[in-house]
All heavy atoms as atom14 arrays in JSON, in Angstrom:
{
  "sequence": "VGDRGGFGGKRYDVEKVESGSYEDEFDDFEAFL",
  "atom14_mask": [
    [1, 1, 1, 1, 1, 1, 1, 0, 0, 0, 0, 0, 0, 0],
    [1, 1, 1, 1, 0, 0, 0, 0, 0, 0, 0, 0, 0, 0],
    [1, 1, 1, 1, 1, 1, 1, 1, 0, 0, 0, 0, 0, 0],
    [1, 1, 1, 1, 1, 1, 1, 1, 1, 1, 1, 0, 0, 0],
    [1, 1, 1, 1, 0, 0, 0, 0, 0, 0, 0, 0, 0, 0],
    [1, 1, 1, 1, 0, 0, 0, 0, 0, 0, 0, 0, 0, 0],
    [1, 1, 1, 1, 1, 1, 1, 1, 1, 1, 1, 0, 0, 0],
    [1, 1, 1, 1, 0, 0, 0, 0, 0, 0, 0, 0, 0, 0],
    [1, 1, 1, 1, 0, 0, 0, 0, 0, 0, 0, 0, 0, 0],
    [1, 1, 1, 1, 1, 1, 1, 1, 1, 0, 0, 0, 0, 0],
    [1, 1, 1, 1, 1, 1, 1, 1, 1, 1, 1, 0, 0, 0],
    [1, 1, 1, 1, 1, 1, 1, 1, 1, 1, 1, 1, 0, 0],
    [1, 1, 1, 1, 1, 1, 1, 1, 0, 0, 0, 0, 0, 0],
    [1, 1, 1, 1, 1, 1, 1, 0, 0, 0, 0, 0, 0, 0],
    [1, 1, 1, 1, 1, 1, 1, 1, 1, 0, 0, 0, 0, 0],
    [1, 1, 1, 1, 1, 1, 1, 1, 1, 0, 0, 0, 0, 0],
    [1, 1, 1, 1, 1, 1, 1, 0, 0, 0, 0, 0, 0, 0],
    [1, 1, 1, 1, 1, 1, 1, 1, 1, 0, 0, 0, 0, 0],
    [1, 1, 1, 1, 1, 1, 0, 0, 0, 0, 0, 0, 0, 0],
    [1, 1, 1, 1, 0, 0, 0, 0, 0, 0, 0, 0, 0, 0],
    [1, 1, 1, 1, 1, 1, 0, 0, 0, 0, 0, 0, 0, 0],
    [1, 1, 1, 1, 1, 1, 1, 1, 1, 1, 1, 1, 0, 0],
    [1, 1, 1, 1, 1, 1, 1, 1, 1, 0, 0, 0, 0, 0],
    [1, 1, 1, 1, 1, 1, 1, 1, 0, 0, 0, 0, 0, 0],
    [1, 1, 1, 1, 1, 1, 1, 1, 1, 0, 0, 0, 0, 0],
    [1, 1, 1, 1, 1, 1, 1, 1, 1, 1, 1, 0, 0, 0],
    [1, 1, 1, 1, 1, 1, 1, 1, 0, 0, 0, 0, 0, 0],
    [1, 1, 1, 1, 1, 1, 1, 1, 0, 0, 0, 0, 0, 0],
    [1, 1, 1, 1, 1, 1, 1, 1, 1, 1, 1, 0, 0, 0],
    [1, 1, 1, 1, 1, 1, 1, 1, 1, 0, 0, 0, 0, 0],
    [1, 1, 1, 1, 1, 0, 0, 0, 0, 0, 0, 0, 0, 0],
    [1, 1, 1, 1, 1, 1, 1, 1, 1, 1, 1, 0, 0, 0],
    [1, 1, 1, 1, 1, 1, 1, 1, 0, 0, 0, 0, 0, 0]
  ],
  "atom14_positions": [
    [[131.22, -144.88, 5.95], [131.43, -144.65, 7.42], [131.95, -145.8, 8.02], [131.65, -146.89, 7.65], [130.09, -144.1, 8.06], [129.63, -142.78, 7.48], [129.02, -145.13, 7.91], [0.0, 0.0, 0.0], [0.0, 0.0, 0.0], [0.0, 0.0, 0.0], [0.0, 0.0, 0.0], [0.0, 0.0, 0.0], [0.0, 0.0, 0.0], [0.0, 0.0, 0.0]],
    [[132.74, -145.62, 9.12], [133.26, -146.75, 9.84], [134.33, -146.35, 10.84], [134.78, -145.17, 10.8], [0.0, 0.0, 0.0], [0.0, 0.0, 0.0], [0.0, 0.0, 0.0], [0.0, 0.0, 0.0], [0.0, 0.0, 0.0], [0.0, 0.0, 0.0], [0.0, 0.0, 0.0], [0.0, 0.0, 0.0], [0.0, 0.0, 0.0], [0.0, 0.0, 0.0]],
    [[134.76, -147.25, 11.67], [135.69, -146.98, 12.71], [137.12, -146.66, 12.2], [137.89, -145.97, 12.76], [135.84, -148.18, 13.68], [134.42, -148.52, 14.34], [133.69, -147.54, 14.59], [134.18, -149.73, 14.56], [0.0, 0.0, 0.0], [0.0, 0.0, 0.0], [0.0, 0.0, 0.0], [0.0, 0.0, 0.0], [0.0, 0.0, 0.0], [0.0, 0.0, 0.0]],
    [[137.48, -147.27, 11.1], [138.85, -147.28, 10.64], [138.89, -146.96, 9.11], [138.12, -147.49, 8.35], [139.54, -148.6, 10.93], [140.97, -148.61, 10.49], [141.61, -149.92, 10.92], [141.63, -150.11, 12.34], [142.18, -151.18, 12.98], [142.71, -152.15, 12.25], [142.13, -151.25, 14.28], [0.0, 0.0, 0.0], [0.0, 0.0, 0.0], [0.0, 0.0, 0.0]],
    [[139.84, -146.1, 8.81], [140.13, -145.82, 7.35], [141.06, -146.82, 6.67], [141.86, -147.45, 7.35], [0.0, 0.0, 0.0], [0.0, 0.0, 0.0], [0.0, 0.0, 0.0], [0.0, 0.0, 0.0], [0.0, 0.0, 0.0], [0.0, 0.0, 0.0], [0.0, 0.0, 0.0], [0.0, 0.0, 0.0], [0.0, 0.0, 0.0], [0.0, 0.0, 0.0]],
    [[140.94, -146.99, 5.33], [141.7, -147.88, 4.64], [142.2, -147.29, 3.39], [142.09, -146.09, 3.04], [0.0, 0.0, 0.0], [0.0, 0.0, 0.0], [0.0, 0.0, 0.0], [0.0, 0.0, 0.0], [0.0, 0.0, 0.0], [0.0, 0.0, 0.0], [0.0, 0.0, 0.0], [0.0, 0.0, 0.0], [0.0, 0.0, 0.0], [0.0, 0.0, 0.0]],
    [[142.76, -148.22, 2.47], [143.31, -147.85, 1.23], [142.17, -147.27, 0.35], [141.13, -147.73, 0.23], [143.99, -148.97, 0.52], [144.63, -148.72, -0.74], [145.86, -148.07, -0.81], [144.02, -149.06, -1.99], [146.46, -147.78, -2.01], [144.67, -148.77, -3.18], [145.87, -148.13, -3.15], [0.0, 0.0, 0.0], [0.0, 0.0, 0.0], [0.0, 0.0, 0.0]],
    [[142.6, -146.17, -0.36], [141.64, -145.54, -1.28], [140.45, -144.85, -0.69], [139.47, -144.57, -1.28], [0.0, 0.0, 0.0], [0.0, 0.0, 0.0], [0.0, 0.0, 0.0], [0.0, 0.0, 0.0], [0.0, 0.0, 0.0], [0.0, 0.0, 0.0], [0.0, 0.0, 0.0], [0.0, 0.0, 0.0], [0.0, 0.0, 0.0], [0.0, 0.0, 0.0]],
    [[140.64, -144.48, 0.64], [139.56, -143.71, 1.28], [138.49, -144.59, 1.77], [137.45, -144.1, 2.3], [0.0, 0.0, 0.0], [0.0, 0.0, 0.0], [0.0, 0.0, 0.0], [0.0, 0.0, 0.0], [0.0, 0.0, 0.0], [0.0, 0.0, 0.0], [0.0, 0.0, 0.0], [0.0, 0.0, 0.0], [0.0, 0.0, 0.0], [0.0, 0.0, 0.0]],
    [[138.56, -145.97, 1.67], [137.49, -146.87, 2.14], [137.42, -146.82, 3.69], [138.46, -146.57, 4.35], [137.67, -148.2, 1.65], [137.53, -148.37, 0.1], [137.68, -149.84, -0.3], [137.47, -149.94, -1.8], [137.62, -151.38, -2.24], [0.0, 0.0, 0.0], [0.0, 0.0, 0.0], [0.0, 0.0, 0.0], [0.0, 0.0, 0.0], [0.0, 0.0, 0.0]],
    [[136.28, -147.08, 4.25], [136.1, -147.08, 5.68], [135.59, -148.52, 6.08], [134.99, -149.28, 5.34], [135.0, -146.12, 6.1], [135.19, -144.66, 5.78], [136.43, -144.1, 6.46], [136.33, -144.13, 7.92], [137.18, -143.7, 8.76], [138.38, -143.27, 8.24], [136.98, -143.75, 10.03], [0.0, 0.0, 0.0], [0.0, 0.0, 0.0], [0.0, 0.0, 0.0]],
    [[135.98, -148.95, 7.33], [135.69, -150.27, 7.82], [135.24, -150.17, 9.3], [135.68, -149.38, 10.06], [136.99, -151.14, 7.83], [137.5, -151.33, 6.38], [138.36, -150.37, 5.87], [137.07, -152.43, 5.55], [138.85, -150.52, 4.53], [137.61, -152.57, 4.31], [138.49, -151.62, 3.8], [138.98, -151.78, 2.52], [0.0, 0.0, 0.0], [0.0, 0.0, 0.0]],
    [[134.31, -151.07, 9.59], [133.93, -151.3, 11.07], [134.84, -152.39, 11.64], [135.1, -153.37, 10.96], [132.44, -151.69, 11.18], [131.52, -150.52, 11.06], [131.94, -149.41, 11.33], [130.34, -150.75, 10.6], [0.0, 0.0, 0.0], [0.0, 0.0, 0.0], [0.0, 0.0, 0.0], [0.0, 0.0, 0.0], [0.0, 0.0, 0.0], [0.0, 0.0, 0.0]],
    [[135.29, -152.14, 12.86], [136.24, -153.08, 13.54], [135.51, -153.56, 14.79], [135.09, -152.76, 15.62], [137.56, -152.43, 13.89], [138.45, -153.4, 14.56], [138.25, -151.91, 12.59], [0.0, 0.0, 0.0], [0.0, 0.0, 0.0], [0.0, 0.0, 0.0], [0.0, 0.0, 0.0], [0.0, 0.0, 0.0], [0.0, 0.0, 0.0], [0.0, 0.0, 0.0]],
    [[135.41, -154.88, 14.94], [134.78, -155.54, 16.08], [135.77, -156.42, 16.71], [136.42, -157.26, 16.06], [133.57, -156.3, 15.61], [132.83, -157.05, 16.74], [131.76, -157.95, 16.16], [131.55, -158.03, 14.91], [131.06, -158.67, 17.06], [0.0, 0.0, 0.0], [0.0, 0.0, 0.0], [0.0, 0.0, 0.0], [0.0, 0.0, 0.0], [0.0, 0.0, 0.0]],
    [[135.92, -156.33, 18.08], [136.78, -157.3, 18.79], [135.98, -158.59, 19.06], [134.86, -158.59, 19.4], [137.18, -156.64, 20.18], [138.14, -155.48, 20.0], [138.54, -154.97, 21.33], [139.65, -153.82, 21.16], [140.07, -153.35, 22.49], [0.0, 0.0, 0.0], [0.0, 0.0, 0.0], [0.0, 0.0, 0.0], [0.0, 0.0, 0.0], [0.0, 0.0, 0.0]],
    [[136.68, -159.66, 18.79], [136.1, -160.98, 18.92], [136.98, -161.86, 19.8], [138.15, -162.0, 19.6], [135.95, -161.72, 17.59], [135.35, -163.08, 17.71], [135.18, -160.87, 16.59], [0.0, 0.0, 0.0], [0.0, 0.0, 0.0], [0.0, 0.0, 0.0], [0.0, 0.0, 0.0], [0.0, 0.0, 0.0], [0.0, 0.0, 0.0], [0.0, 0.0, 0.0]],
    [[136.43, -162.43, 20.9], [137.17, -163.36, 21.79], [136.85, -164.75, 21.35], [135.67, -165.15, 21.23], [136.76, -163.13, 23.24], [137.56, -163.95, 24.21], [137.28, -163.67, 25.65], [137.49, -162.57, 26.1], [136.85, -164.57, 26.34], [0.0, 0.0, 0.0], [0.0, 0.0, 0.0], [0.0, 0.0, 0.0], [0.0, 0.0, 0.0], [0.0, 0.0, 0.0]],
    [[137.86, -165.54, 21.01], [137.68, -166.83, 20.45], [138.0, -167.97, 21.41], [138.51, -168.96, 21.07], [138.63, -167.0, 19.25], [138.27, -166.12, 18.24], [0.0, 0.0, 0.0], [0.0, 0.0, 0.0], [0.0, 0.0, 0.0], [0.0, 0.0, 0.0], [0.0, 0.0, 0.0], [0.0, 0.0, 0.0], [0.0, 0.0, 0.0], [0.0, 0.0, 0.0]],
    [[137.56, -167.79, 22.65], [137.8, -168.87, 23.65], [138.79, -168.5, 24.65], [139.75, -167.83, 24.32], [0.0, 0.0, 0.0], [0.0, 0.0, 0.0], [0.0, 0.0, 0.0], [0.0, 0.0, 0.0], [0.0, 0.0, 0.0], [0.0, 0.0, 0.0], [0.0, 0.0, 0.0], [0.0, 0.0, 0.0], [0.0, 0.0, 0.0], [0.0, 0.0, 0.0]],
    [[138.7, -168.97, 25.93], [139.59, -168.65, 26.98], [139.43, -169.76, 28.02], [138.42, -170.41, 28.07], [139.4, -167.25, 27.59], [138.14, -167.18, 28.16], [0.0, 0.0, 0.0], [0.0, 0.0, 0.0], [0.0, 0.0, 0.0], [0.0, 0.0, 0.0], [0.0, 0.0, 0.0], [0.0, 0.0, 0.0], [0.0, 0.0, 0.0], [0.0, 0.0, 0.0]],
    [[140.46, -169.92, 28.81], [140.35, -170.76, 29.96], [141.37, -170.41, 31.07], [142.39, -169.77, 30.77], [140.58, -172.27, 29.56], [141.96, -172.54, 29.0], [143.01, -172.93, 29.86], [142.18, -172.52, 27.62], [144.27, -173.22, 29.31], [143.41, -172.83, 27.12], [144.46, -173.18, 27.97], [145.69, -173.51, 27.39], [0.0, 0.0, 0.0], [0.0, 0.0, 0.0]],
    [[141.04, -170.74, 32.32], [141.92, -170.41, 33.47], [143.05, -171.42, 33.48], [142.79, -172.65, 33.24], [141.17, -170.38, 34.77], [140.14, -169.28, 34.9], [139.51, -169.22, 36.25], [140.05, -169.89, 37.14], [138.53, -168.42, 36.44], [0.0, 0.0, 0.0], [0.0, 0.0, 0.0], [0.0, 0.0, 0.0], [0.0, 0.0, 0.0], [0.0, 0.0, 0.0]],
    [[144.26, -170.95, 33.72], [145.43, -171.83, 33.69], [146.26, -171.6, 34.95], [147.38, -171.2, 34.9], [146.23, -171.51, 32.45], [147.33, -172.53, 32.24], [147.41, -173.53, 32.95], [148.22, -172.3, 31.34], [0.0, 0.0, 0.0], [0.0, 0.0, 0.0], [0.0, 0.0, 0.0], [0.0, 0.0, 0.0], [0.0, 0.0, 0.0], [0.0, 0.0, 0.0]],
    [[145.68, -171.92, 36.14], [146.36, -171.78, 37.36], [145.94, -172.88, 38.35], [144.73, -173.08, 38.56], [146.13, -170.42, 38.0], [146.89, -170.13, 39.32], [146.76, -168.79, 39.79], [145.88, -168.01, 39.28], [147.53, -168.4, 40.71], [0.0, 0.0, 0.0], [0.0, 0.0, 0.0], [0.0, 0.0, 0.0], [0.0, 0.0, 0.0], [0.0, 0.0, 0.0]],
    [[146.88, -173.62, 38.9], [146.53, -174.73, 39.82], [147.51, -174.69, 41.04], [148.73, -174.45, 40.85], [146.71, -176.05, 39.12], [145.93, -176.22, 37.87], [146.39, -175.76, 36.63], [144.73, -176.86, 37.96], [145.61, -175.91, 35.51], [143.95, -177.0, 36.83], [144.37, -176.55, 35.62], [0.0, 0.0, 0.0], [0.0, 0.0, 0.0], [0.0, 0.0, 0.0]],
    [[146.89, -174.83, 42.21], [147.73, -174.9, 43.45], [148.62, -176.21, 43.43], [149.69, -176.19, 43.92], [146.86, -174.85, 44.7], [146.2, -173.46, 44.81], [146.76, -172.42, 44.4], [145.06, -173.37, 45.44], [0.0, 0.0, 0.0], [0.0, 0.0, 0.0], [0.0, 0.0, 0.0], [0.0, 0.0, 0.0], [0.0, 0.0, 0.0], [0.0, 0.0, 0.0]],
    [[148.02, -177.28, 42.93], [148.72, -178.53, 42.89], [148.44, -179.21, 41.52], [147.4, -179.95, 41.44], [148.24, -179.47, 44.08], [149.09, -180.75, 44.24], [149.75, -181.08, 43.24], [149.13, -181.27, 45.35], [0.0, 0.0, 0.0], [0.0, 0.0, 0.0], [0.0, 0.0, 0.0], [0.0, 0.0, 0.0], [0.0, 0.0, 0.0], [0.0, 0.0, 0.0]],
    [[149.24, -178.89, 40.63], [149.0, -179.37, 39.26], [149.07, -180.87, 39.13], [148.25, -181.53, 38.44], [150.03, -178.75, 38.23], [149.79, -179.12, 36.87], [148.77, -178.43, 36.13], [150.58, -180.04, 36.15], [148.62, -178.81, 34.81], [150.36, -180.32, 34.89], [149.39, -179.7, 34.17], [0.0, 0.0, 0.0], [0.0, 0.0, 0.0], [0.0, 0.0, 0.0]],
    [[149.96, -181.51, 39.83], [150.11, -182.96, 39.79], [148.81, -183.62, 40.36], [148.32, -184.63, 39.84], [151.27, -183.39, 40.69], [151.51, -184.93, 40.67], [152.68, -185.33, 41.5], [153.62, -184.47, 41.62], [152.75, -186.44, 42.03], [0.0, 0.0, 0.0], [0.0, 0.0, 0.0], [0.0, 0.0, 0.0], [0.0, 0.0, 0.0], [0.0, 0.0, 0.0]],
    [[148.31, -183.08, 41.44], [147.01, -183.61, 41.96], [145.84, -183.47, 41.0], [144.9, -184.3, 41.02], [146.75, -182.94, 43.3], [0.0, 0.0, 0.0], [0.0, 0.0, 0.0], [0.0, 0.0, 0.0], [0.0, 0.0, 0.0], [0.0, 0.0, 0.0], [0.0, 0.0, 0.0], [0.0, 0.0, 0.0], [0.0, 0.0, 0.0], [0.0, 0.0, 0.0]],
    [[145.91, -182.46, 40.16], [144.91, -182.26, 39.16], [145.06, -183.23, 38.01], [144.05, -183.88, 37.59], [144.96, -180.83, 38.63], [144.3, -180.57, 37.28], [142.92, -180.49, 37.19], [145.06, -180.44, 36.14], [142.31, -180.32, 35.97], [144.43, -180.31, 34.87], [143.06, -180.26, 34.8], [0.0, 0.0, 0.0], [0.0, 0.0, 0.0], [0.0, 0.0, 0.0]],
    [[146.24, -183.36, 37.52], [146.44, -184.18, 36.25], [146.54, -185.59, 36.43], [145.96, -186.44, 35.66], [147.72, -183.68, 35.61], [148.03, -184.29, 34.21], [146.93, -183.98, 33.19], [149.4, -183.82, 33.72], [0.0, 0.0, 0.0], [0.0, 0.0, 0.0], [0.0, 0.0, 0.0], [0.0, 0.0, 0.0], [0.0, 0.0, 0.0], [0.0, 0.0, 0.0]]
  ]
}
């Protein structure tokens, strides 16, 4: 049993994984850097 079918009738569970994120918006980038 599982979310997704595969080769030979096998079943797999699929989990979404977020591997890090960051905001990338600056009103004045020069003043930041």
